[in-house]
């Protein structure tokens, strides 16, 4: 005789339990960075943001001045 399948609620509970067990096992595999490396990488990111921001500001200034020059010529 074929064995009866558990109802949907039991299957859902078993699936959810397996999901959380798998999540817990995956979290154990994570290698977290040291605070020193986090602060170092944060400094690198902030420096790059500043450099790129200044570069874009410079390009914007140059292009706005060129546009202003062309707009004055068109008058």
Protein backbone atom coordinates (compact mmCIF):
# COMPACT_ATOMS: atom_id res chain seq x y z
CA UNK A 1 0.00 0.00 0.00
CA UNK A 2 1.26 3.51 -0.83
CA UNK A 3 2.25 5.67 2.09
CA UNK A 4 0.13 8.75 2.70
CA UNK A 5 1.78 12.17 2.12
CA UNK A 6 1.74 14.60 5.04
CA UNK A 7 -0.65 17.52 4.67
CA UNK A 8 0.41 20.88 3.24
CA UNK A 9 0.96 22.53 6.62
CA UNK A 10 3.38 19.79 7.74
CA UNK A 11 5.26 19.95 4.42
CA UNK A 12 5.51 23.73 4.72
CA UNK A 13 6.88 23.45 8.25
CA UNK A 14 9.46 20.87 7.18
CA UNK A 15 10.50 23.04 4.22
CA UNK A 16 10.79 26.14 6.38
CA UNK A 17 12.84 24.28 8.99
CA UNK A 18 15.21 23.01 6.27
CA UNK A 19 15.53 26.54 4.84
CA UNK A 20 16.53 28.03 8.22
CA UNK A 21 18.96 25.16 8.94
CA UNK A 22 20.60 25.76 5.56
CA UNK A 23 20.78 29.53 6.25
CA UNK A 24 22.45 28.89 9.60
CA UNK A 25 25.01 26.59 7.97
CA UNK A 26 25.77 29.17 5.24
CA UNK A 27 26.23 31.95 7.82
CA UNK A 28 28.87 29.84 9.56
CA UNK A 29 30.91 29.82 6.32
CA UNK A 30 31.19 33.62 6.14
CA UNK A 31 34.65 35.08 6.75
CA UNK A 32 34.05 38.50 8.29
CA UNK A 33 36.64 41.27 7.70
CA UNK A 34 38.64 42.66 10.59
CA UNK A 35 37.74 46.14 11.88
CA UNK A 36 41.16 47.39 10.68
CA UNK A 37 40.48 46.30 7.10
CA UNK A 38 36.96 47.78 7.22
CA UNK A 39 38.31 51.19 8.28
CA UNK A 40 41.07 51.02 5.66
CA UNK A 41 38.60 50.16 2.89
CA UNK A 42 36.23 52.89 4.07
CA UNK A 43 39.06 55.42 3.76
CA UNK A 44 39.84 54.23 0.23
CA UNK A 45 36.17 54.53 -0.78
CA UNK A 46 35.85 58.05 0.68
CA UNK A 47 39.07 59.17 -1.04
CA UNK A 48 37.85 57.82 -4.38
CA UNK A 49 34.48 59.55 -3.95
CA UNK A 50 36.30 62.84 -3.32
CA UNK A 51 38.63 62.41 -6.31
CA UNK A 52 35.84 61.43 -8.71
CA UNK A 53 33.62 64.23 -7.37
CA UNK A 54 36.35 66.81 -7.99
CA UNK A 55 36.93 65.39 -11.49
CA UNK A 56 33.22 65.65 -12.35
CA UNK A 57 33.07 69.16 -10.86
CA UNK A 58 36.00 70.17 -13.07
CA UNK A 59 34.41 68.70 -16.20
CA UNK A 60 31.11 70.40 -15.38
CA UNK A 61 32.82 73.75 -14.90
CA UNK A 62 34.73 73.45 -18.19
CA UNK A 63 31.66 72.40 -20.16
CA UNK A 64 29.48 75.13 -18.64
CA UNK A 65 32.09 77.76 -19.55
CA UNK A 66 32.31 76.37 -23.11
CA UNK A 67 28.54 76.38 -23.39
CA UNK A 68 28.42 79.95 -22.10
CA UNK A 69 31.04 80.92 -24.68
CA UNK A 70 29.01 79.37 -27.52
CA UNK A 71 25.78 80.94 -26.28
CA UNK A 72 27.40 84.40 -26.31
CA UNK A 73 28.68 83.83 -29.83
CA UNK A 74 25.20 82.86 -31.05
CA UNK A 75 23.74 86.28 -30.07
